[in-house]
PDB file of N, CA and C in Angstrom:
ATOM      1  N   MET A   1      14.554   4.528  13.241  1.00  0.00           N
ATOM      2  CA  MET A   1      13.535   3.852  12.474  1.00  0.00           C
ATOM      3  C   MET A   1      12.980   2.720  13.342  1.00  0.00           C
ATOM      4  N   LYS A   2      11.662   2.554  13.277  1.00  0.00           N
ATOM      5  CA  LYS A   2      11.015   1.509  14.069  1.00  0.00           C
ATOM      6  C   LYS A   2       9.822   0.965  13.290  1.00  0.00           C
ATOM      7  N   VAL A   3       9.242  -0.101  13.803  1.00  0.00           N
ATOM      8  CA  VAL A   3       8.047  -0.671  13.179  1.00  0.00           C
ATOM      9  C   VAL A   3       6.966   0.411  13.149  1.00  0.00           C
ATOM     10  N   GLY A   4       6.329   0.586  12.002  1.00  0.00           N
ATOM     11  CA  GLY A   4       5.301   1.607  11.834  1.00  0.00           C
ATOM     12  C   GLY A   4       5.828   2.909  11.276  1.00  0.00           C
ATOM     13  N   SER A   5       7.153   3.075  11.205  1.00  0.00           N
ATOM     14  CA  SER A   5       7.733   4.299  10.645  1.00  0.00           C
ATOM     15  C   SER A   5       7.384   4.420   9.173  1.00  0.00           C
ATOM     16  N   LYS A   6       7.168   5.662   8.754  1.00  0.00           N
ATOM     17  CA  LYS A   6       6.996   5.942   7.330  1.00  0.00           C
ATOM     18  C   LYS A   6       8.383   6.252   6.791  1.00  0.00           C
ATOM     19  N   VAL A   7       8.741   5.618   5.681  1.00  0.00           N
ATOM     20  CA  VAL A   7      10.061   5.815   5.090  1.00  0.00           C
ATOM     21  C   VAL A   7       9.935   6.125   3.609  1.00  0.00           C
ATOM     22  N   ILE A   8      10.934   6.817   3.095  1.00  0.00           N
ATOM     23  CA  ILE A   8      11.004   7.091   1.665  1.00  0.00           C
ATOM     24  C   ILE A   8      12.229   6.364   1.126  1.00  0.00           C
ATOM     25  N   CYS A   9      12.076   5.752  -0.020  1.00  0.00           N
ATOM     26  CA  CYS A   9      13.191   5.051  -0.652  1.00  0.00           C
ATOM     27  C   CYS A   9      14.141   6.093  -1.242  1.00  0.00           C
ATOM     28  N   ILE A  10      15.413   6.023  -0.863  1.00  0.00           N
ATOM     29  CA  ILE A  10      16.405   6.972  -1.373  1.00  0.00           C
ATOM     30  C   ILE A  10      17.418   6.295  -2.296  1.00  0.00           C
ATOM     31  N   ASP A  11      17.357   4.969  -2.396  1.00  0.00           N
ATOM     32  CA  ASP A  11      18.293   4.242  -3.257  1.00  0.00           C
ATOM     33  C   ASP A  11      17.631   2.978  -3.796  1.00  0.00           C
ATOM     34  N   ASP A  12      17.330   2.975  -5.069  1.00  0.00           N
ATOM     35  CA  ASP A  12      16.747   1.777  -5.689  1.00  0.00           C
ATOM     36  C   ASP A  12      17.681   1.218  -6.771  1.00  0.00           C
ATOM     37  N   SER A  13      18.986   1.425  -6.579  1.00  0.00           N
ATOM     38  CA  SER A  13      19.966   0.976  -7.562  1.00  0.00           C
ATOM     39  C   SER A  13      20.782  -0.205  -7.037  1.00  0.00           C
ATOM     40  N   ASN A  14      21.496  -0.814  -7.932  1.00  0.00           N
ATOM     41  CA  ASN A  14      22.443  -1.883  -7.598  1.00  0.00           C
ATOM     42  C   ASN A  14      21.827  -3.048  -6.837  1.00  0.00           C
ATOM     43  N   TRP A  15      20.689  -3.524  -7.298  1.00  0.00           N
ATOM     44  CA  TRP A  15      20.089  -4.702  -6.681  1.00  0.00           C
ATOM     45  C   TRP A  15      20.938  -5.919  -7.012  1.00  0.00           C
ATOM     46  N   SER A  16      20.889  -6.902  -6.167  1.00  0.00           N
ATOM     47  CA  SER A  16      21.554  -8.173  -6.420  1.00  0.00           C
ATOM     48  C   SER A  16      20.973  -8.777  -7.698  1.00  0.00           C
ATOM     49  N   PRO A  17      21.786  -9.462  -8.486  1.00  0.00           N
ATOM     50  CA  PRO A  17      21.248 -10.101  -9.693  1.00  0.00           C
ATOM     51  C   PRO A  17      20.224 -11.192  -9.374  1.00  0.00           C
ATOM     52  N   PHE A  18      20.172 -11.613  -8.113  1.00  0.00           N
ATOM     53  CA  PHE A  18      19.252 -12.680  -7.704  1.00  0.00           C
ATOM     54  C   PHE A  18      18.014 -12.148  -6.989  1.00  0.00           C
ATOM     55  N   VAL A  19      17.823 -10.826  -6.981  1.00  0.00           N
ATOM     56  CA  VAL A  19      16.743 -10.223  -6.200  1.00  0.00           C
ATOM     57  C   VAL A  19      15.368 -10.747  -6.614  1.00  0.00           C
ATOM     58  N   ASP A  20      15.199 -11.089  -7.888  1.00  0.00           N
ATOM     59  CA  ASP A  20      13.891 -11.575  -8.345  1.00  0.00           C
ATOM     60  C   ASP A  20      13.555 -12.956  -7.782  1.00  0.00           C
ATOM     61  N   GLN A  21      14.521 -13.630  -7.190  1.00  0.00           N
ATOM     62  CA  GLN A  21      14.254 -14.902  -6.524  1.00  0.00           C
ATOM     63  C   GLN A  21      13.604 -14.688  -5.158  1.00  0.00           C
ATOM     64  N   TYR A  22      13.731 -13.476  -4.628  1.00  0.00           N
ATOM     65  CA  TYR A  22      13.243 -13.187  -3.285  1.00  0.00           C
ATOM     66  C   TYR A  22      12.017 -12.284  -3.246  1.00  0.00           C
ATOM     67  N   PHE A  23      11.840 -11.441  -4.281  1.00  0.00           N
ATOM     68  CA  PHE A  23      10.746 -10.465  -4.288  1.00  0.00           C
ATOM     69  C   PHE A  23      10.059 -10.429  -5.650  1.00  0.00           C
ATOM     70  N   ASP A  24       8.742 -10.213  -5.630  1.00  0.00           N
ATOM     71  CA  ASP A  24       7.979 -10.041  -6.871  1.00  0.00           C
ATOM     72  C   ASP A  24       8.103  -8.626  -7.412  1.00  0.00           C
ATOM     73  N   LYS A  25       8.288  -7.659  -6.506  1.00  0.00           N
ATOM     74  CA  LYS A  25       8.445  -6.259  -6.894  1.00  0.00           C
ATOM     75  C   LYS A  25       9.416  -5.614  -5.920  1.00  0.00           C
ATOM     76  N   LEU A  26       9.924  -4.435  -6.300  1.00  0.00           N
ATOM     77  CA  LEU A  26      10.942  -3.756  -5.506  1.00  0.00           C
ATOM     78  C   LEU A  26      10.532  -2.319  -5.209  1.00  0.00           C
ATOM     79  N   PRO A  27      11.062  -1.751  -4.120  1.00  0.00           N
ATOM     80  CA  PRO A  27      10.786  -0.344  -3.816  1.00  0.00           C
ATOM     81  C   PRO A  27      11.327   0.570  -4.918  1.00  0.00           C
ATOM     82  N   VAL A  28      10.700   1.722  -5.046  1.00  0.00           N
ATOM     83  CA  VAL A  28      11.074   2.695  -6.065  1.00  0.00           C
ATOM     84  C   VAL A  28      11.522   3.975  -5.382  1.00  0.00           C
ATOM     85  N   LYS A  29      12.639   4.520  -5.837  1.00  0.00           N
ATOM     86  CA  LYS A  29      13.182   5.752  -5.269  1.00  0.00           C
ATOM     87  C   LYS A  29      12.129   6.855  -5.315  1.00  0.00           C
ATOM     88  N   GLY A  30      11.969   7.545  -4.188  1.00  0.00           N
ATOM     89  CA  GLY A  30      11.006   8.641  -4.091  1.00  0.00           C
ATOM     90  C   GLY A  30       9.645   8.218  -3.578  1.00  0.00           C
ATOM     91  N   CYS A  31       9.374   6.927  -3.504  1.00  0.00           N
ATOM     92  CA  CYS A  31       8.085   6.440  -3.007  1.00  0.00           C
ATOM     93  C   CYS A  31       8.175   6.173  -1.506  1.00  0.00           C
ATOM     94  N   THR A  32       7.041   6.308  -0.829  1.00  0.00           N
ATOM     95  CA  THR A  32       7.004   6.110   0.615  1.00  0.00           C
ATOM     96  C   THR A  32       6.383   4.766   0.961  1.00  0.00           C
ATOM     97  N   TYR A  33       6.845   4.217   2.078  1.00  0.00           N
ATOM     98  CA  TYR A  33       6.418   2.897   2.542  1.00  0.00           C
ATOM     99  C   TYR A  33       6.316   2.916   4.063  1.00  0.00           C
ATOM    100  N   ILE A  34       5.746   1.865   4.622  1.00  0.00           N
ATOM    101  CA  ILE A  34       5.641   1.719   6.076  1.00  0.00           C
ATOM    102  C   ILE A  34       6.428   0.485   6.494  1.00  0.00           C
ATOM    103  N   VAL A  35       7.250   0.650   7.534  1.00  0.00           N
ATOM    104  CA  VAL A  35       8.083  -0.441   8.027  1.00  0.00           C
ATOM    105  C   VAL A  35       7.212  -1.463   8.750  1.00  0.00           C
ATOM    106  N   ARG A  36       7.350  -2.705   8.353  1.00  0.00           N
ATOM    107  CA  ARG A  36       6.603  -3.810   8.954  1.00  0.00           C
ATOM    108  C   ARG A  36       7.431  -4.539   9.997  1.00  0.00           C
ATOM    109  N   ARG A  37       8.719  -4.702   9.758  1.00  0.00           N
ATOM    110  CA  ARG A  37       9.635  -5.383  10.679  1.00  0.00           C
ATOM    111  C   ARG A  37      11.025  -4.779  10.548  1.00  0.00           C
ATOM    112  N   ILE A  38      11.786  -4.855  11.623  1.00  0.00           N
ATOM    113  CA  ILE A  38      13.208  -4.505  11.602  1.00  0.00           C
ATOM    114  C   ILE A  38      13.978  -5.811  11.751  1.00  0.00           C
ATOM    115  N   ILE A  39      14.961  -6.030  10.912  1.00  0.00           N
ATOM    116  CA  ILE A  39      15.760  -7.247  10.970  1.00  0.00           C
ATOM    117  C   ILE A  39      17.186  -6.859  11.331  1.00  0.00           C
ATOM    118  N   ASP A  40      17.670  -7.392  12.457  1.00  0.00           N
ATOM    119  CA  ASP A  40      19.028  -7.082  12.893  1.00  0.00           C
ATOM    120  C   ASP A  40      20.045  -7.554  11.867  1.00  0.00           C
ATOM    121  N   ASP A  41      21.145  -6.836  11.812  1.00  0.00           N
ATOM    122  CA  ASP A  41      22.252  -7.217  10.945  1.00  0.00           C
ATOM    123  C   ASP A  41      22.772  -8.581  11.369  1.00  0.00           C
ATOM    124  N   PHE A  42      22.827  -9.501  10.445  1.00  0.00           N
ATOM    125  CA  PHE A  42      23.394 -10.800  10.794  1.00  0.00           C
ATOM    126  C   PHE A  42      24.308 -11.360   9.705  1.00  0.00           C
ATOM    127  N   VAL A  43      24.448 -10.648   8.599  1.00  0.00           N
ATOM    128  CA  VAL A  43      25.275 -11.153   7.505  1.00  0.00           C
ATOM    129  C   VAL A  43      26.424 -10.184   7.218  1.00  0.00           C
ATOM    130  N   PHE A  44      27.605 -10.527   7.588  1.00  0.00           N
ATOM    131  CA  PHE A  44      28.825  -9.810   7.223  1.00  0.00           C
ATOM    132  C   PHE A  44      28.796  -8.309   7.508  1.00  0.00           C
ATOM    133  N   ASN A  45      28.275  -7.938   8.664  1.00  0.00           N
ATOM    134  CA  ASN A  45      28.293  -6.539   9.122  1.00  0.00           C
ATOM    135  C   ASN A  45      27.679  -5.552   8.136  1.00  0.00           C
ATOM    136  N   ARG A  46      26.639  -5.962   7.463  1.00  0.00           N
ATOM    137  CA  ARG A  46      25.908  -5.035   6.602  1.00  0.00           C
ATOM    138  C   ARG A  46      24.949  -4.217   7.456  1.00  0.00           C
ATOM    139  N   ALA A  47      24.264  -3.292   6.822  1.00  0.00           N
ATOM    140  CA  ALA A  47      23.275  -2.474   7.518  1.00  0.00           C
ATOM    141  C   ALA A  47      22.114  -3.352   7.968  1.00  0.00           C
ATOM    142  N   PRO A  48      21.448  -3.002   9.077  1.00  0.00           N
ATOM    143  CA  PRO A  48      20.228  -3.736   9.456  1.00  0.00           C
ATOM    144  C   PRO A  48      19.223  -3.677   8.309  1.00  0.00           C
ATOM    145  N   GLY A  49      18.244  -4.548   8.362  1.00  0.00           N
ATOM    146  CA  GLY A  49      17.274  -4.620   7.286  1.00  0.00           C
ATOM    147  C   GLY A  49      15.882  -4.220   7.727  1.00  0.00           C
ATOM    148  N   VAL A  50      15.041  -3.978   6.739  1.00  0.00           N
ATOM    149  CA  VAL A  50      13.639  -3.662   7.005  1.00  0.00           C
ATOM    150  C   VAL A  50      12.759  -4.493   6.081  1.00  0.00           C
ATOM    151  N   ALA A  51      11.638  -4.908   6.625  1.00  0.00           N
ATOM    152  CA  ALA A  51      10.577  -5.517   5.837  1.00  0.00           C
ATOM    153  C   ALA A  51       9.473  -4.464   5.763  1.00  0.00           C
ATOM    154  N   LEU A  52       8.924  -4.269   4.591  1.00  0.00           N
ATOM    155  CA  LEU A  52       7.942  -3.210   4.366  1.00  0.00           C
ATOM    156  C   LEU A  52       6.569  -3.793   4.077  1.00  0.00           C
ATOM    157  N   HIS A  53       5.539  -3.043   4.477  1.00  0.00           N
ATOM    158  CA  HIS A  53       4.187  -3.431   4.070  1.00  0.00           C
ATOM    159  C   HIS A  53       4.143  -3.377   2.545  1.00  0.00           C
ATOM    160  N   THR A  54       3.406  -4.236   1.951  1.00  0.00           N
ATOM    161  CA  THR A  54       3.224  -4.419   0.497  1.00  0.00           C
ATOM    162  C   THR A  54       4.360  -5.202  -0.155  1.00  0.00           C
ATOM    163  N   PHE A  55       5.474  -5.438   0.556  1.00  0.00           N
ATOM    164  CA  PHE A  55       6.578  -6.248   0.039  1.00  0.00           C
ATOM    165  C   PHE A  55       6.783  -7.411   0.997  1.00  0.00           C
ATOM    166  N   TYR A  56       6.639  -8.608   0.480  1.00  0.00           N
ATOM    167  CA  TYR A  56       6.844  -9.795   1.303  1.00  0.00           C
ATOM    168  C   TYR A  56       7.913 -10.648   0.643  1.00  0.00           C
ATOM    169  N   GLY A  57       9.043 -10.789   1.335  1.00  0.00           N
ATOM    170  CA  GLY A  57      10.155 -11.561   0.802  1.00  0.00           C
ATOM    171  C   GLY A  57       9.990 -13.040   1.098  1.00  0.00           C
ATOM    172  N   ASN A  58      10.638 -13.853   0.297  1.00  0.00           N
ATOM    173  CA  ASN A  58      10.640 -15.289   0.545  1.00  0.00           C
ATOM    174  C   ASN A  58      11.457 -15.591   1.801  1.00  0.00           C
ATOM    175  N   TRP A  59      11.042 -16.602   2.536  1.00  0.00           N
ATOM    176  CA  TRP A  59      11.758 -17.034   3.728  1.00  0.00           C
ATOM    177  C   TRP A  59      12.732 -18.131   3.326  1.00  0.00           C
ATOM    178  N   LYS A  60      13.918 -18.086   3.907  1.00  0.00           N
ATOM    179  CA  LYS A  60      14.907 -19.124   3.635  1.00  0.00           C
ATOM    180  C   LYS A  60      15.948 -19.137   4.740  1.00  0.00           C
ATOM    181  N   ASN A  61      16.828 -20.122   4.721  1.00  0.00           N
ATOM    182  CA  ASN A  61      17.930 -20.189   5.675  1.00  0.00           C
ATOM    183  C   ASN A  61      19.065 -19.290   5.194  1.00  0.00           C
ATOM    184  N   TRP A  62      19.554 -18.441   6.077  1.00  0.00           N
ATOM    185  CA  TRP A  62      20.671 -17.550   5.801  1.00  0.00           C
ATOM    186  C   TRP A  62      21.811 -17.933   6.734  1.00  0.00           C
ATOM    187  N   ASN A  63      23.034 -17.879   6.252  1.00  0.00           N
ATOM    188  CA  ASN A  63      24.191 -18.120   7.102  1.00  0.00           C
ATOM    189  C   ASN A  63      24.699 -16.793   7.629  1.00  0.00           C
ATOM    190  N   SER A  64      24.753 -16.684   8.964  1.00  0.00           N
ATOM    191  CA  SER A  64      25.196 -15.431   9.572  1.00  0.00           C
ATOM    192  C   SER A  64      26.715 -15.328   9.525  1.00  0.00           C
ATOM    193  N   SER A  65      27.213 -14.133   9.836  1.00  0.00           N
ATOM    194  CA  SER A  65      28.655 -13.914   9.864  1.00  0.00           C
ATOM    195  C   SER A  65      29.318 -14.741  10.963  1.00  0.00           C
ATOM    196  N   LEU A  66      28.543 -15.216  11.934  1.00  0.00           N
ATOM    197  CA  LEU A  66      29.069 -16.047  13.021  1.00  0.00           C
ATOM    198  C   LEU A  66      28.941 -17.536  12.726  1.00  0.00           C
ATOM    199  N   GLY A  67      28.489 -17.874  11.523  1.00  0.00           N
ATOM    200  CA  GLY A  67      28.354 -19.267  11.150  1.00  0.00           C
ATOM    201  C   GLY A  67      27.066 -19.914  11.632  1.00  0.00           C
ATOM    202  N   ILE A  68      26.121 -19.108  12.087  1.00  0.00           N
ATOM    203  CA  ILE A  68      24.831 -19.612  12.554  1.00  0.00           C
ATOM    204  C   ILE A  68      23.836 -19.549  11.401  1.00  0.00           C
ATOM    205  N   THR A  69      23.039 -20.579  11.241  1.00  0.00           N
ATOM    206  CA  THR A  69      22.009 -20.587  10.207  1.00  0.00           C
ATOM    207  C   THR A  69      20.712 -20.048  10.800  1.00  0.00           C
ATOM    208  N   LEU A  70      20.176 -19.017  10.153  1.00  0.00           N
ATOM    209  CA  LEU A  70      18.940 -18.377  10.613  1.00  0.00           C
ATOM    210  C   LEU A  70      17.878 -18.510   9.537  1.00  0.00           C
ATOM    211  N   TYR A  71      16.655 -18.796   9.954  1.00  0.00           N
ATOM    212  CA  TYR A  71      15.525 -18.828   9.024  1.00  0.00           C
ATOM    213  C   TYR A  71      14.892 -17.444   9.080  1.00  0.00           C
ATOM    214  N   GLU A  72      14.980 -16.682   7.995  1.00  0.00           N
ATOM    215  CA  GLU A  72      14.541 -15.284   8.008  1.00  0.00           C
ATOM    216  C   GLU A  72      13.972 -14.911   6.651  1.00  0.00           C
ATOM    217  N   GLU A  73      13.113 -13.900   6.683  1.00  0.00           N
ATOM    218  CA  GLU A  73      12.512 -13.351   5.467  1.00  0.00           C
ATOM    219  C   GLU A  73      13.537 -12.489   4.729  1.00  0.00           C
ATOM    220  N   ALA A  74      13.554 -12.581   3.405  1.00  0.00           N
ATOM    221  CA  ALA A  74      14.379 -11.666   2.610  1.00  0.00           C
ATOM    222  C   ALA A  74      13.897 -10.241   2.895  1.00  0.00           C
ATOM    223  N   HIS A  75      14.811  -9.315   2.966  1.00  0.00           N
ATOM    224  CA  HIS A  75      14.470  -7.946   3.363  1.00  0.00           C
ATOM    225  C   HIS A  75      15.397  -6.966   2.647  1.00  0.00           C
ATOM    226  N   PHE A  76      15.159  -5.678   2.864  1.00  0.00           N
ATOM    227  CA  PHE A  76      15.933  -4.629   2.225  1.00  0.00           C
ATOM    228  C   PHE A  76      16.865  -3.985   3.246  1.00  0.00           C
ATOM    229  N   ARG A  77      18.033  -3.528   2.783  1.00  0.00           N
ATOM    230  CA  ARG A  77      18.947  -2.819   3.674  1.00  0.00           C
ATOM    231  C   ARG A  77      18.276  -1.530   4.157  1.00  0.00           C
ATOM    232  N   MET A  78      18.418  -1.262   5.432  1.00  0.00           N
ATOM    233  CA  MET A  78      17.800  -0.072   6.018  1.00  0.00           C
ATOM    234  C   MET A  78      18.345   1.209   5.394  1.00  0.00           C
ATOM    235  N   ASN A  79      19.600   1.205   4.992  1.00  0.00           N
ATOM    236  CA  ASN A  79      20.184   2.442   4.463  1.00  0.00           C
ATOM    237  C   ASN A  79      19.680   2.788   3.050  1.00  0.00           C
ATOM    238  N   ARG A  80      18.784   1.984   2.497  1.00  0.00           N
ATOM    239  CA  ARG A  80      18.123   2.351   1.242  1.00  0.00           C
ATOM    240  C   ARG A  80      16.939   3.296   1.494  1.00  0.00           C
ATOM    241  N   PHE A  81      16.626   3.560   2.769  1.00  0.00           N
ATOM    242  CA  PHE A  81      15.438   4.330   3.134  1.00  0.00           C
ATOM    243  C   PHE A  81      15.785   5.413   4.153  1.00  0.00           C
ATOM    244  N   ARG A  82      14.968   6.450   4.170  1.00  0.00           N
ATOM    245  CA  ARG A  82      15.088   7.515   5.161  1.00  0.00           C
ATOM    246  C   ARG A  82      13.723   7.693   5.797  1.00  0.00           C
ATOM    247  N   GLU A  83      13.725   7.822   7.119  1.00  0.00           N
ATOM    248  CA  GLU A  83      12.463   7.994   7.832  1.00  0.00           C
ATOM    249  C   GLU A  83      11.875   9.364   7.523  1.00  0.00           C
ATOM    250  N   VAL A  84      10.558   9.417   7.391  1.00  0.00           N
ATOM    251  CA  VAL A  84       9.851  10.652   7.077  1.00  0.00           C
ATOM    252  C   VAL A  84       8.827  10.907   8.173  1.00  0.00           C
ATOM    253  N   GLU A  85       8.832  12.104   8.723  1.00  0.00           N
ATOM    254  CA  GLU A  85       7.846  12.490   9.728  1.00  0.00           C
ATOM    255  C   GLU A  85       6.528  12.800   9.027  1.00  0.00           C
ATOM    256  N   ASP A  86       5.414  12.692   9.767  1.00  0.00           N
ATOM    257  CA  ASP A  86       4.095  12.922   9.176  1.00  0.00           C
ATOM    258  C   ASP A  86       3.978  14.291   8.521  1.00  0.00           C
ATOM    259  N   ASP A  87       4.495  15.340   9.186  1.00  0.00           N
ATOM    260  CA  ASP A  87       4.375  16.677   8.606  1.00  0.00           C
ATOM    261  C   ASP A  87       5.244  16.825   7.358  1.00  0.00           C
ATOM    262  N   GLN A  88       6.385  16.130   7.302  1.00  0.00           N
ATOM    263  CA  GLN A  88       7.212  16.146   6.094  1.00  0.00           C
ATOM    264  C   GLN A  88       6.480  15.445   4.956  1.00  0.00           C
ATOM    265  N   LEU A  89       5.804  14.344   5.268  1.00  0.00           N
ATOM    266  CA  LEU A  89       5.067  13.594   4.255  1.00  0.00           C
ATOM    267  C   LEU A  89       3.937  14.443   3.691  1.00  0.00           C
ATOM    268  N   GLU A  90       3.211  15.127   4.567  1.00  0.00           N
ATOM    269  CA  GLU A  90       2.125  15.995   4.100  1.00  0.00           C
ATOM    270  C   GLU A  90       2.668  17.105   3.208  1.00  0.00           C
ATOM    271  N   GLN A  91       3.821  17.687   3.590  1.00  0.00           N
ATOM    272  CA  GLN A  91       4.430  18.749   2.788  1.00  0.00           C
ATOM    273  C   GLN A  91       4.844  18.222   1.417  1.00  0.00           C
ATOM    274  N   MET A  92       5.409  17.005   1.396  1.00  0.00           N
ATOM    275  CA  MET A  92       5.800  16.408   0.121  1.00  0.00           C
ATOM    276  C   MET A  92       4.591  16.204  -0.777  1.00  0.00           C
ATOM    277  N   LEU A  93       3.486  15.741  -0.206  1.00  0.00           N
ATOM    278  CA  LEU A  93       2.281  15.517  -0.998  1.00  0.00           C
ATOM    279  C   LEU A  93       1.704  16.836  -1.493  1.00  0.00           C
ATOM    280  N   ASP A  94       1.710  17.848  -0.627  1.00  0.00           N
ATOM    281  CA  ASP A  94       1.221  19.161  -1.043  1.00  0.00           C
ATOM    282  C   ASP A  94       2.035  19.692  -2.216  1.00  0.00           C
ATOM    283  N   ASN A  95       3.353  19.565  -2.133  1.00  0.00           N
ATOM    284  CA  ASN A  95       4.220  20.059  -3.202  1.00  0.00           C
ATOM    285  C   ASN A  95       4.012  19.270  -4.488  1.00  0.00           C
ATOM    286  N   ALA A  96       3.757  17.976  -4.372  1.00  0.00           N
ATOM    287  CA  ALA A  96       3.576  17.146  -5.557  1.00  0.00           C
ATOM    288  C   ALA A  96       2.307  17.509  -6.314  1.00  0.00           C
ATOM    289  N   PHE A  97       1.290  17.962  -5.605  1.00  0.00           N
ATOM    290  CA  PHE A  97       0.010  18.252  -6.250  1.00  0.00           C
ATOM    291  C   PHE A  97      -0.304  19.743  -6.320  1.00  0.00           C
ATOM    292  N   MET A  98       0.701  20.575  -6.072  1.00  0.00           N
ATOM    293  CA  MET A  98       0.480  22.017  -6.069  1.00  0.00           C
ATOM    294  C   MET A  98       0.182  22.506  -7.487  1.00  0.00           C
ATOM    295  N   ILE A  99      -0.825  23.328  -7.585  1.00  0.00           N
ATOM    296  CA  ILE A  99      -1.182  23.922  -8.881  1.00  0.00           C
ATOM    297  C   ILE A  99      -0.973  25.425  -8.761  1.00  0.00           C
ATOM    298  N   LYS A 100      -0.173  25.945  -9.636  1.00  0.00           N
ATOM    299  CA  LYS A 100       0.059  27.386  -9.605  1.00  0.00           C
ATOM    300  C   LYS A 100      -1.134  28.090 -10.232  1.00  0.00           C
ATOM    301  N   GLU A 101      -1.731  28.969  -9.458  1.00  0.00           N
ATOM    302  CA  GLU A 101      -2.905  29.696  -9.945  1.00  0.00           C
ATOM    303  C   GLU A 101      -2.537  31.060 -10.507  1.00  0.00           C
ATOM    304  N   ASP A 102      -1.269  31.435 -10.373  1.00  0.00           N
ATOM    305  CA  ASP A 102      -0.834  32.759 -10.797  1.00  0.00           C
ATOM    306  C   ASP A 102      -0.340  32.796 -12.243  1.00  0.00           C
ATOM    307  N   VAL A 103      -0.611  31.753 -12.987  1.00  0.00           N
ATOM    308  CA  VAL A 103      -0.141  31.704 -14.376  1.00  0.00           C
ATOM    309  C   VAL A 103      -1.077  32.549 -15.231  1.00  0.00           C
ATOM    310  N   GLU A 104      -0.503  33.454 -15.970  1.00  0.00           N
ATOM    311  CA  GLU A 104      -1.318  34.283 -16.869  1.00  0.00           C
ATOM    312  C   GLU A 104      -1.440  33.599 -18.216  1.00  0.00           C
ATOM    313  N   ILE A 105      -2.599  33.632 -18.751  1.00  0.00           N
ATOM    314  CA  ILE A 105      -2.825  33.053 -20.072  1.00  0.00           C
ATOM    315  C   ILE A 105      -2.722  34.171 -21.104  1.00  0.00           C
ATOM    316  N   LEU A 106      -1.799  33.969 -22.009  1.00  0.00           N
ATOM    317  CA  LEU A 106      -1.600  34.978 -23.056  1.00  0.00           C
ATOM    318  C   LEU A 106      -2.445  34.611 -24.265  1.00  0.00           C
ATOM    319  N   GLN A 107      -3.203  35.571 -24.707  1.00  0.00           N
ATOM    320  CA  GLN A 107      -4.021  35.349 -25.898  1.00  0.00           C
ATOM    321  C   GLN A 107      -3.381  36.070 -27.070  1.00  0.00           C
ATOM    322  N   ILE A 108      -3.257  35.358 -28.143  1.00  0.00           N
ATOM    323  CA  ILE A 108      -2.677  35.952 -29.348  1.00  0.00           C
ATOM    324  C   ILE A 108      -3.805  36.210 -30.326  1.00  0.00           C
ATOM    325  N   SER A 109      -3.877  37.453 -30.788  1.00  0.00           N
ATOM    326  CA  SER A 109      -4.936  37.841 -31.727  1.00  0.00           C
ATOM    327  C   SER A 109      -4.315  38.181 -33.072  1.00  0.00           C
ATOM    328  N   ASN A 110      -5.002  37.790 -34.131  1.00  0.00           N
ATOM    329  CA  ASN A 110      -4.548  38.120 -35.472  1.00  0.00           C
ATOM    330  C   ASN A 110      -5.011  39.513 -35.892  1.00  0.00           C
ATOM    331  N   GLU A 111      -5.895  40.105 -35.125  1.00  0.00           N
ATOM    332  CA  GLU A 111      -6.408  41.429 -35.456  1.00  0.00           C
ATOM    333  C   GLU A 111      -5.530  42.505 -34.836  1.00  0.00           C
ATOM    334  N   PRO A 112      -5.204  43.528 -35.581  1.00  0.00           N
ATOM    335  CA  PRO A 112      -4.390  44.629 -34.997  1.00  0.00           C
ATOM    336  C   PRO A 112      -5.194  45.374 -33.954  1.00  0.00           C
ATOM    337  N   GLU A 113      -4.462  45.902 -32.975  1.00  0.00           N
ATOM    338  CA  GLU A 113      -5.130  46.626 -31.883  1.00  0.00           C
ATOM    339  C   GLU A 113      -5.666  47.966 -32.363  1.00  0.00           C
ATOM    340  N   HIS A 114      -4.938  48.603 -33.265  1.00  0.00           N
ATOM    341  CA  HIS A 114      -5.363  49.910 -33.786  1.00  0.00           C
ATOM    342  C   HIS A 114      -5.446  49.842 -35.306  1.00  0.00           C
ATOM    343  N   SER A 115      -6.474  50.486 -35.830  1.00  0.00           N
ATOM    344  CA  SER A 115      -6.627  50.490 -37.290  1.00  0.00           C
ATOM    345  C   SER A 115      -6.389  51.887 -37.800  1.00  0.00           C
ATOM    346  N   ASN A 116      -5.612  51.990 -38.884  1.00  0.00           N
ATOM    347  CA  ASN A 116      -5.352  53.289 -39.502  1.00  0.00           C
ATOM    348  C   ASN A 116      -6.295  53.546 -40.670  1.00  0.00           C
ATOM    349  N   VAL A 117      -7.209  52.675 -40.963  1.00  0.00           N
ATOM    350  CA  VAL A 117      -8.055  52.825 -42.110  1.00  0.00           C
ATOM    351  C   VAL A 117      -9.254  53.664 -41.794  1.00  0.00           C
TER     352      VAL A 117
END
């Protein structure tokens, strides 16, 4: 994953109870986003983080696992997302909007097909 990568959210569960202090909105599972920044792991050996276009976290001082204070933007764990290639993204969009044209429409008639009268 790198800056400019297209990613799909694969986990939108178990947010911190304080997440609303850092973000106005959150990623949604199944939706695609573009990576704006990569943030190296600096807090207690968690996964590296990503900042996404359309999501801007509040900036604050964070204490690293080494006891260093870093001024950094709130971000999302990278393992909440999976990188998507352009052709995979196009295929996903095609499947989402696919209309089956082979559906037969059954008409029900109240009139009998054959009359014995």
